[in-house]
Amino acid sequence: MEKIQAEGPITPRGMSEEDAARYIGVARISLRQGRCEGRRENRMPPPPYIKLGRKVIYLKDDLDRWLEMYRVALAVVLIILTSQ
């Protein structure tokens, strides 16, 4: 059987729960609760994830899109601050 050699380093597309939590700046338990409990009122909605058996994988592109959905535009912040 012939082994296929990859040319150059392989860049993983996915992250572990621990790496994803660190990447988006939240506690690991927040990701786990979001997955297990789903969307709840007054709670952070969970980012998309992939489940392969017992393994949970977060894709960097999904996390980036998820963060962008919750970005507060600077103009909105300025309006709120000046209206007080």
Protein backbone atom coordinates (compact mmCIF):
# COMPACT_ATOMS: atom_id res chain seq x y z
CA MET A 1 0.00 0.00 0.00
CA GLU A 2 1.43 3.37 -1.01
CA LYS A 3 1.47 6.20 1.54
CA ILE A 4 0.40 9.60 0.30
CA GLN A 5 2.63 12.40 1.55
CA ALA A 6 1.03 15.78 2.11
CA GLU A 7 2.99 18.69 0.73
CA GLY A 8 3.51 21.35 3.38
CA PRO A 9 1.84 21.67 6.75
CA ILE A 10 -1.86 20.99 7.12
CA THR A 11 -3.85 23.85 8.62
CA PRO A 12 -6.78 22.51 10.65
CA ARG A 13 -10.17 24.05 9.91
CA GLY A 14 -11.63 23.22 13.29
CA MET A 15 -10.97 24.05 16.92
CA SER A 16 -11.64 22.23 20.15
CA GLU A 17 -14.10 23.65 22.67
CA GLU A 18 -11.20 24.99 24.73
CA ASP A 19 -9.53 26.69 21.75
CA ALA A 20 -12.85 28.11 20.50
CA ALA A 21 -13.65 29.57 23.92
CA ARG A 22 -10.24 31.21 24.08
CA TYR A 23 -10.59 32.46 20.47
CA ILE A 24 -13.91 34.25 21.09
CA GLY A 25 -13.09 35.27 24.66
CA VAL A 26 -15.73 33.36 26.64
CA ALA A 27 -15.60 30.70 29.32
CA ARG A 28 -15.54 27.12 28.10
CA ILE A 29 -18.63 26.36 30.22
CA SER A 30 -20.56 29.03 28.27
CA LEU A 31 -20.04 27.11 25.04
CA ARG A 32 -21.00 23.83 26.69
CA GLN A 33 -24.16 25.27 28.27
CA GLY A 34 -25.14 26.84 24.96
CA ARG A 35 -24.82 23.48 23.20
CA CYS A 36 -26.65 21.52 25.88
CA GLU A 37 -29.40 23.99 26.73
CA GLY A 38 -29.84 25.69 23.35
CA ARG A 39 -31.16 29.23 22.99
CA ARG A 40 -32.39 30.70 26.27
CA GLU A 41 -33.74 34.10 27.12
CA ASN A 42 -31.11 36.54 28.40
CA ARG A 43 -28.30 34.10 27.56
CA MET A 44 -25.64 34.16 24.90
CA PRO A 45 -26.85 32.11 21.91
CA PRO A 46 -24.44 29.30 21.07
CA PRO A 47 -22.19 29.58 18.03
CA PRO A 48 -22.48 26.90 15.32
CA TYR A 49 -20.57 23.68 15.92
CA ILE A 50 -20.00 20.24 14.41
CA LYS A 51 -20.56 17.04 16.35
CA LEU A 52 -18.59 13.96 15.27
CA GLY A 53 -19.54 11.22 17.68
CA ARG A 54 -18.56 12.65 21.06
CA LYS A 55 -16.14 15.17 19.57
CA VAL A 56 -17.24 18.81 19.21
CA ILE A 57 -15.54 21.00 16.61
CA TYR A 58 -15.90 24.73 16.01
CA LEU A 59 -14.87 26.14 12.64
CA LYS A 60 -12.95 29.42 12.71
CA ASP A 61 -15.05 30.86 9.87
CA ASP A 62 -18.27 30.06 11.77
CA LEU A 63 -16.92 31.70 14.93
CA ASP A 64 -15.89 34.81 12.97
CA ARG A 65 -19.36 35.09 11.39
CA TRP A 66 -21.03 34.50 14.76
CA LEU A 67 -18.96 37.29 16.34
CA GLU A 68 -19.82 39.67 13.49
CA MET A 69 -23.55 39.03 14.06
CA TYR A 70 -23.20 40.43 17.59
CA ARG A 71 -20.93 43.35 16.76
CA VAL A 72 -22.28 46.67 18.00
CA ALA A 73 -21.55 49.33 15.44
CA LEU A 74 -19.61 52.37 16.65
CA ALA A 75 -22.35 54.71 15.41
CA VAL A 76 -24.92 52.96 17.61
CA VAL A 77 -22.65 53.26 20.64
CA LEU A 78 -22.10 56.98 19.97
CA ILE A 79 -25.83 57.61 19.62
CA ILE A 80 -26.52 55.88 22.92
CA LEU A 81 -23.74 57.77 24.70
CA THR A 82 -24.80 61.19 23.36
CA SER A 83 -28.49 60.66 24.15
CA GLN A 84 -27.82 60.22 27.88
